[in-house]
Protein backbone atom coordinates (compact mmCIF):
# COMPACT_ATOMS: atom_id res chain seq x y z
CA MET A 1 -13.81 73.31 99.29
CA GLU A 2 -17.56 73.46 101.59
CA THR A 3 -20.79 74.61 99.96
CA LYS A 4 -24.53 74.18 100.31
CA ILE A 5 -26.86 72.85 98.51
CA GLN A 6 -30.04 74.62 99.02
CA ARG A 7 -33.62 74.09 97.05
CA TRP A 8 -34.36 75.94 94.12
CA GLY A 9 -38.34 75.80 93.19
CA ASN A 10 -39.37 71.72 94.07
CA SER A 11 -35.43 70.67 92.90
CA LEU A 12 -32.01 71.24 94.60
CA GLY A 13 -29.36 73.82 93.33
CA LEU A 14 -25.93 74.06 93.82
CA ARG A 15 -24.09 76.96 93.86
CA ILE A 16 -20.63 76.80 92.60
CA PRO A 17 -17.69 78.63 93.04
CA LYS A 18 -16.63 80.70 90.62
CA SER A 19 -13.04 80.22 91.03
CA PHE A 20 -13.98 76.53 90.08
CA ALA A 21 -16.90 77.89 86.87
CA ALA A 22 -13.43 79.32 85.85
CA GLU A 23 -11.01 76.72 86.02
CA ALA A 24 -13.80 74.25 84.16
CA HIS A 25 -14.76 76.57 81.35
CA VAL A 26 -18.36 76.84 82.46
CA GLU A 27 -20.63 80.18 82.58
CA ALA A 28 -24.06 80.53 82.94
CA GLY A 29 -25.97 78.67 80.61
CA SER A 30 -23.39 76.62 80.10
CA THR A 31 -24.42 72.19 79.59
CA VAL A 32 -23.56 70.30 82.33
CA ASP A 33 -23.79 66.05 82.88
CA ILE A 34 -24.63 65.31 86.26
CA ALA A 35 -24.38 61.41 86.81
CA MET A 36 -24.39 59.39 89.99
CA GLU A 37 -21.30 56.86 90.79
CA ASN A 38 -20.84 55.08 93.42
CA GLY A 39 -22.91 56.64 95.96
CA GLU A 40 -21.01 60.14 94.36
CA ILE A 41 -22.27 63.08 92.71
CA LEU A 42 -20.77 64.22 89.16
CA VAL A 43 -21.17 67.39 87.64
CA ARG A 44 -18.97 67.00 84.48
CA PRO A 45 -19.51 70.17 81.56
CA LEU A 46 -20.13 69.18 78.27
CA ARG A 47 -17.80 70.13 75.53
CA ARG A 48 -19.91 70.80 72.53
CA HIS A 49 -18.02 70.75 69.04
CA LYS A 50 -18.30 73.66 66.55
CA CYS A 51 -17.80 72.13 62.85
CA ASP A 52 -17.44 74.88 60.04
CA LEU A 53 -18.83 73.90 56.62
CA ALA A 54 -14.81 73.73 55.70
CA SER A 55 -13.67 71.89 57.98
CA LEU A 56 -16.31 69.07 57.63
CA VAL A 57 -14.93 68.94 53.93
CA ARG A 58 -11.75 68.58 54.53
CA ALA A 59 -13.05 65.22 56.56
CA ILE A 60 -14.27 63.54 53.67
CA SER A 61 -12.74 61.10 51.84
CA VAL A 62 -12.61 57.48 49.87
CA LYS A 63 -13.14 55.79 52.71
CA ASN A 64 -15.66 57.93 54.48
CA LEU A 65 -17.63 58.97 50.82
CA HIS A 66 -21.12 57.54 49.43
CA ASP A 67 -22.40 56.14 47.22
CA ALA A 68 -25.28 58.52 44.68
CA VAL A 69 -28.35 58.25 46.01
CA GLU A 70 -31.30 57.52 43.76
CA THR A 71 -34.39 59.49 44.26
CA GLY A 72 -36.31 58.66 41.85
CA ALA A 73 -37.42 61.46 38.41
CA PRO A 74 -38.38 64.95 39.44
CA VAL A 75 -41.60 65.61 40.18
CA GLY A 76 -42.09 69.14 39.60
CA ARG A 77 -39.92 72.41 38.64
CA GLU A 78 -36.58 71.48 39.76
CA ALA A 79 -33.93 71.18 37.11
CA TRP A 80 -31.58 68.28 36.71
């Protein structure tokens, strides 16, 4: 598909056709990575992994569990 790069303030902007945006699962406000590879501009959507506490806790294992860390005596009104 052919499109034009347009001025946007001091920068340049590229409009992404609706069908391309839908296929790439991006929308207004999506974060993308823009890179140069072999003289070509590549735009890739960034996928953020959504985590929740339960899945993070399930991932704790003997291999990735660290030892206790000594933080010193209480300094104030902490209840130990």
